[in-house]
Amino acid sequence: MATYENKPAVGYGPPAYNQPQGIVTSQPASVMQTTVIINQPTGAWSTELCACGEDIKSCCCAFWFGNFYYACIAQRMGENCCVGCSGYPAGCVPGGHLAMRSAFRNRHGIQGDICSDCCIHWCCLPCSMCQLSRQMDHLGYPNGAC
């Protein structure tokens, strides 16, 4: 003859009988919590892309002296000057301007993405570099040798 345990069915009776065996339903008190902070860009450029009237010197230098001026901007950022002289056939580092703008934008929490940076550089590199220079002035970067 078979013997049966007299336990209530799951769902009835005290809570101890309602939990399937082998499943932990509570955490020990000493569990560490991890906080993840995601920095989302919230800022904007201090000037518009084509606001060359706000800084004629930068615009003249960017349009007439190109790579030499861009090398100065790279040094202001703390980069090697070769990164700045990259936009023309005589350039040292292919994609350097794009890298400069993207790094600067990320460093200072300026909204945008690599695709927009690329389009801006493709359409008007001198305006992009002037905007970068004006933003450096706005943030108080030293002028250096430029």
C-alpha atoms as a PDB file:
ATOM      1  CA  MET A   1       0.000   0.000   0.000  1.00  0.00           C
ATOM      2  CA  ALA A   2       1.317   3.439  -0.925  1.00  0.00           C
ATOM      3  CA  THR A   3       1.726   6.155   1.643  1.00  0.00           C
ATOM      4  CA  TYR A   4       0.948   9.721   0.836  1.00  0.00           C
ATOM      5  CA  GLU A   5       2.359  12.822   2.482  1.00  0.00           C
ATOM      6  CA  ASN A   6      -0.299  15.094   3.770  1.00  0.00           C
ATOM      7  CA  LYS A   7       0.964  18.391   2.236  1.00  0.00           C
ATOM      8  CA  PRO A   8      -1.348  21.016   0.869  1.00  0.00           C
ATOM      9  CA  ALA A   9      -1.184  21.620  -2.895  1.00  0.00           C
ATOM     10  CA  VAL A  10       0.953  24.474  -4.217  1.00  0.00           C
ATOM     11  CA  GLY A  11      -1.008  27.687  -3.949  1.00  0.00           C
ATOM     12  CA  TYR A  12      -2.767  26.673  -0.758  1.00  0.00           C
ATOM     13  CA  GLY A  13      -1.559  26.790   2.787  1.00  0.00           C
ATOM     14  CA  PRO A  14       1.386  28.590   4.410  1.00  0.00           C
ATOM     15  CA  PRO A  15       3.939  30.393   2.127  1.00  0.00           C
ATOM     16  CA  ALA A  16       6.611  27.741   2.769  1.00  0.00           C
ATOM     17  CA  TYR A  17       4.550  25.202   0.824  1.00  0.00           C
ATOM     18  CA  ASN A  18       3.933  27.601  -2.076  1.00  0.00           C
ATOM     19  CA  GLN A  19       7.557  27.912  -3.219  1.00  0.00           C
ATOM     20  CA  PRO A  20       9.065  25.326  -5.559  1.00  0.00           C
ATOM     21  CA  GLN A  21      12.106  23.623  -4.110  1.00  0.00           C
ATOM     22  CA  GLY A  22      15.590  24.888  -5.080  1.00  0.00           C
ATOM     23  CA  ILE A  23      14.625  28.437  -6.068  1.00  0.00           C
ATOM     24  CA  VAL A  24      15.991  31.362  -4.064  1.00  0.00           C
ATOM     25  CA  THR A  25      13.346  34.014  -3.547  1.00  0.00           C
ATOM     26  CA  SER A  26      15.349  36.554  -1.552  1.00  0.00           C
ATOM     27  CA  GLN A  27      18.846  38.035  -1.686  1.00  0.00           C
ATOM     28  CA  PRO A  28      21.245  38.111   1.241  1.00  0.00           C
ATOM     29  CA  ALA A  29      21.559  41.526   2.878  1.00  0.00           C
ATOM     30  CA  SER A  30      25.208  41.906   1.813  1.00  0.00           C
ATOM     31  CA  VAL A  31      24.570  42.169  -1.937  1.00  0.00           C
ATOM     32  CA  MET A  32      26.537  44.992  -3.596  1.00  0.00           C
ATOM     33  CA  GLN A  33      24.684  47.355  -5.868  1.00  0.00           C
ATOM     34  CA  THR A  34      26.305  48.709  -9.004  1.00  0.00           C
ATOM     35  CA  THR A  35      25.380  52.110 -10.338  1.00  0.00           C
ATOM     36  CA  VAL A  36      25.937  52.759 -14.024  1.00  0.00           C
ATOM     37  CA  ILE A  37      26.237  56.381 -15.082  1.00  0.00           C
ATOM     38  CA  ILE A  38      25.784  57.113 -18.754  1.00  0.00           C
ATOM     39  CA  ASN A  39      27.003  60.525 -19.834  1.00  0.00           C
ATOM     40  CA  GLN A  40      24.696  61.820 -22.512  1.00  0.00           C
ATOM     41  CA  PRO A  41      25.805  64.853 -24.476  1.00  0.00           C
ATOM     42  CA  THR A  42      23.631  67.758 -23.426  1.00  0.00           C
ATOM     43  CA  GLY A  43      25.493  70.794 -24.712  1.00  0.00           C
ATOM     44  CA  ALA A  44      25.549  72.587 -27.997  1.00  0.00           C
ATOM     45  CA  TRP A  45      28.220  74.463 -29.894  1.00  0.00           C
ATOM     46  CA  SER A  46      28.564  78.046 -28.652  1.00  0.00           C
ATOM     47  CA  THR A  47      28.276  79.362 -32.242  1.00  0.00           C
ATOM     48  CA  GLU A  48      26.682  78.197 -35.461  1.00  0.00           C
ATOM     49  CA  LEU A  49      28.750  76.419 -38.098  1.00  0.00           C
ATOM     50  CA  CYS A  50      28.848  79.359 -40.517  1.00  0.00           C
ATOM     51  CA  ALA A  51      29.275  82.132 -37.925  1.00  0.00           C
ATOM     52  CA  CYS A  52      32.571  83.314 -39.352  1.00  0.00           C
ATOM     53  CA  GLY A  53      31.552  86.926 -38.788  1.00  0.00           C
ATOM     54  CA  GLU A  54      32.076  86.366 -35.076  1.00  0.00           C
ATOM     55  CA  ASP A  55      35.772  85.617 -35.570  1.00  0.00           C
ATOM     56  CA  ILE A  56      37.182  86.950 -38.838  1.00  0.00           C
ATOM     57  CA  LYS A  57      40.775  86.039 -37.905  1.00  0.00           C
ATOM     58  CA  SER A  58      39.987  82.312 -37.605  1.00  0.00           C
ATOM     59  CA  CYS A  59      38.018  82.290 -40.833  1.00  0.00           C
ATOM     60  CA  CYS A  60      40.777  84.025 -42.795  1.00  0.00           C
ATOM     61  CA  CYS A  61      43.402  81.672 -41.381  1.00  0.00           C
ATOM     62  CA  ALA A  62      41.259  78.586 -42.067  1.00  0.00           C
ATOM     63  CA  PHE A  63      40.484  79.527 -45.661  1.00  0.00           C
ATOM     64  CA  TRP A  64      43.912  80.897 -46.639  1.00  0.00           C
ATOM     65  CA  PHE A  65      46.365  78.885 -44.544  1.00  0.00           C
ATOM     66  CA  GLY A  66      44.393  75.616 -44.162  1.00  0.00           C
ATOM     67  CA  ASN A  67      46.648  72.877 -42.840  1.00  0.00           C
ATOM     68  CA  PHE A  68      48.951  75.266 -40.988  1.00  0.00           C
ATOM     69  CA  TYR A  69      46.039  76.723 -39.046  1.00  0.00           C
ATOM     70  CA  TYR A  70      44.519  73.304 -38.423  1.00  0.00           C
ATOM     71  CA  ALA A  71      47.855  72.120 -37.020  1.00  0.00           C
ATOM     72  CA  CYS A  72      47.692  75.014 -34.539  1.00  0.00           C
ATOM     73  CA  ILE A  73      44.165  74.009 -33.520  1.00  0.00           C
ATOM     74  CA  ALA A  74      45.354  70.435 -32.960  1.00  0.00           C
ATOM     75  CA  GLN A  75      48.136  71.688 -30.690  1.00  0.00           C
ATOM     76  CA  ARG A  76      45.632  73.803 -28.740  1.00  0.00           C
ATOM     77  CA  MET A  77      43.665  70.595 -28.145  1.00  0.00           C
ATOM     78  CA  GLY A  78      46.765  68.835 -26.878  1.00  0.00           C
ATOM     79  CA  GLU A  79      47.146  66.713 -30.017  1.00  0.00           C
ATOM     80  CA  ASN A  80      50.125  66.346 -32.307  1.00  0.00           C
ATOM     81  CA  CYS A  81      50.189  69.059 -34.964  1.00  0.00           C
ATOM     82  CA  CYS A  82      50.234  66.376 -37.689  1.00  0.00           C
ATOM     83  CA  VAL A  83      46.670  65.404 -36.764  1.00  0.00           C
ATOM     84  CA  GLY A  84      45.538  68.865 -37.825  1.00  0.00           C
ATOM     85  CA  CYS A  85      47.145  68.885 -41.249  1.00  0.00           C
ATOM     86  CA  SER A  86      45.123  66.113 -42.795  1.00  0.00           C
ATOM     87  CA  GLY A  87      42.384  67.495 -45.016  1.00  0.00           C
ATOM     88  CA  TYR A  88      44.207  68.092 -48.262  1.00  0.00           C
ATOM     89  CA  PRO A  89      46.434  66.016 -50.556  1.00  0.00           C
ATOM     90  CA  ALA A  90      49.488  67.136 -48.597  1.00  0.00           C
ATOM     91  CA  GLY A  91      47.906  66.046 -45.324  1.00  0.00           C
ATOM     92  CA  CYS A  92      49.735  63.946 -42.758  1.00  0.00           C
ATOM     93  CA  VAL A  93      46.962  62.005 -41.008  1.00  0.00           C
ATOM     94  CA  PRO A  94      43.930  60.945 -43.077  1.00  0.00           C
ATOM     95  CA  GLY A  95      40.767  61.649 -41.103  1.00  0.00           C
ATOM     96  CA  GLY A  96      42.566  63.747 -38.518  1.00  0.00           C
ATOM     97  CA  HIS A  97      40.113  66.659 -38.684  1.00  0.00           C
ATOM     98  CA  LEU A  98      37.197  64.326 -38.196  1.00  0.00           C
ATOM     99  CA  ALA A  99      38.926  62.722 -35.228  1.00  0.00           C
ATOM    100  CA  MET A 100      39.678  66.136 -33.725  1.00  0.00           C
ATOM    101  CA  ARG A 101      36.083  67.337 -33.965  1.00  0.00           C
ATOM    102  CA  SER A 102      34.617  64.074 -32.643  1.00  0.00           C
ATOM    103  CA  ALA A 103      37.075  63.858 -29.740  1.00  0.00           C
ATOM    104  CA  PHE A 104      36.472  67.487 -28.794  1.00  0.00           C
ATOM    105  CA  ARG A 105      32.699  67.070 -29.021  1.00  0.00           C
ATOM    106  CA  ASN A 106      32.780  63.966 -26.825  1.00  0.00           C
ATOM    107  CA  ARG A 107      35.196  65.527 -24.325  1.00  0.00           C
ATOM    108  CA  HIS A 108      32.919  68.509 -23.762  1.00  0.00           C
ATOM    109  CA  GLY A 109      29.512  66.813 -24.031  1.00  0.00           C
ATOM    110  CA  ILE A 110      28.457  68.555 -27.231  1.00  0.00           C
ATOM    111  CA  GLN A 111      25.538  66.961 -29.047  1.00  0.00           C
ATOM    112  CA  GLY A 112      26.160  65.265 -32.360  1.00  0.00           C
ATOM    113  CA  ASP A 113      27.483  62.055 -33.824  1.00  0.00           C
ATOM    114  CA  ILE A 114      30.251  60.830 -36.092  1.00  0.00           C
ATOM    115  CA  CYS A 115      27.953  60.864 -39.128  1.00  0.00           C
ATOM    116  CA  SER A 116      27.116  64.551 -38.730  1.00  0.00           C
ATOM    117  CA  ASP A 117      30.800  65.329 -38.088  1.00  0.00           C
ATOM    118  CA  CYS A 118      31.701  63.557 -41.316  1.00  0.00           C
ATOM    119  CA  CYS A 119      29.050  65.406 -43.344  1.00  0.00           C
ATOM    120  CA  ILE A 120      30.131  68.756 -41.915  1.00  0.00           C
ATOM    121  CA  HIS A 121      33.772  68.062 -42.760  1.00  0.00           C
ATOM    122  CA  TRP A 122      32.914  66.888 -46.243  1.00  0.00           C
ATOM    123  CA  CYS A 123      30.792  69.970 -47.015  1.00  0.00           C
ATOM    124  CA  CYS A 124      32.823  72.715 -45.357  1.00  0.00           C
ATOM    125  CA  LEU A 125      36.012  71.790 -43.544  1.00  0.00           C
ATOM    126  CA  PRO A 126      37.155  75.401 -42.981  1.00  0.00           C
ATOM    127  CA  CYS A 127      33.833  76.325 -41.329  1.00  0.00           C
ATOM    128  CA  SER A 128      34.032  73.238 -39.140  1.00  0.00           C
ATOM    129  CA  MET A 129      37.549  74.055 -37.989  1.00  0.00           C
ATOM    130  CA  CYS A 130      36.590  77.691 -37.329  1.00  0.00           C
ATOM    131  CA  GLN A 131      33.669  76.506 -35.201  1.00  0.00           C
ATOM    132  CA  LEU A 132      36.059  74.274 -33.285  1.00  0.00           C
ATOM    133  CA  SER A 133      38.429  77.207 -32.729  1.00  0.00           C
ATOM    134  CA  ARG A 134      35.585  79.470 -31.539  1.00  0.00           C
ATOM    135  CA  GLN A 135      34.433  76.758 -29.120  1.00  0.00           C
ATOM    136  CA  MET A 136      37.977  76.514 -27.744  1.00  0.00           C
ATOM    137  CA  ASP A 137      37.989  80.286 -27.232  1.00  0.00           C
ATOM    138  CA  HIS A 138      34.591  80.024 -25.510  1.00  0.00           C
ATOM    139  CA  LEU A 139      35.908  77.312 -23.146  1.00  0.00           C
ATOM    140  CA  GLY A 140      39.116  79.212 -22.373  1.00  0.00           C
ATOM    141  CA  TYR A 141      41.667  77.052 -24.177  1.00  0.00           C
ATOM    142  CA  PRO A 142      45.052  78.818 -24.415  1.00  0.00           C
ATOM    143  CA  ASN A 143      45.952  80.199 -27.840  1.00  0.00           C
ATOM    144  CA  GLY A 144      49.422  78.671 -27.913  1.00  0.00           C
ATOM    145  CA  ALA A 145      51.620  79.525 -30.883  1.00  0.00           C
ATOM    146  CA  CYS A 146      48.708  80.300 -33.240  1.00  0.00           C
END
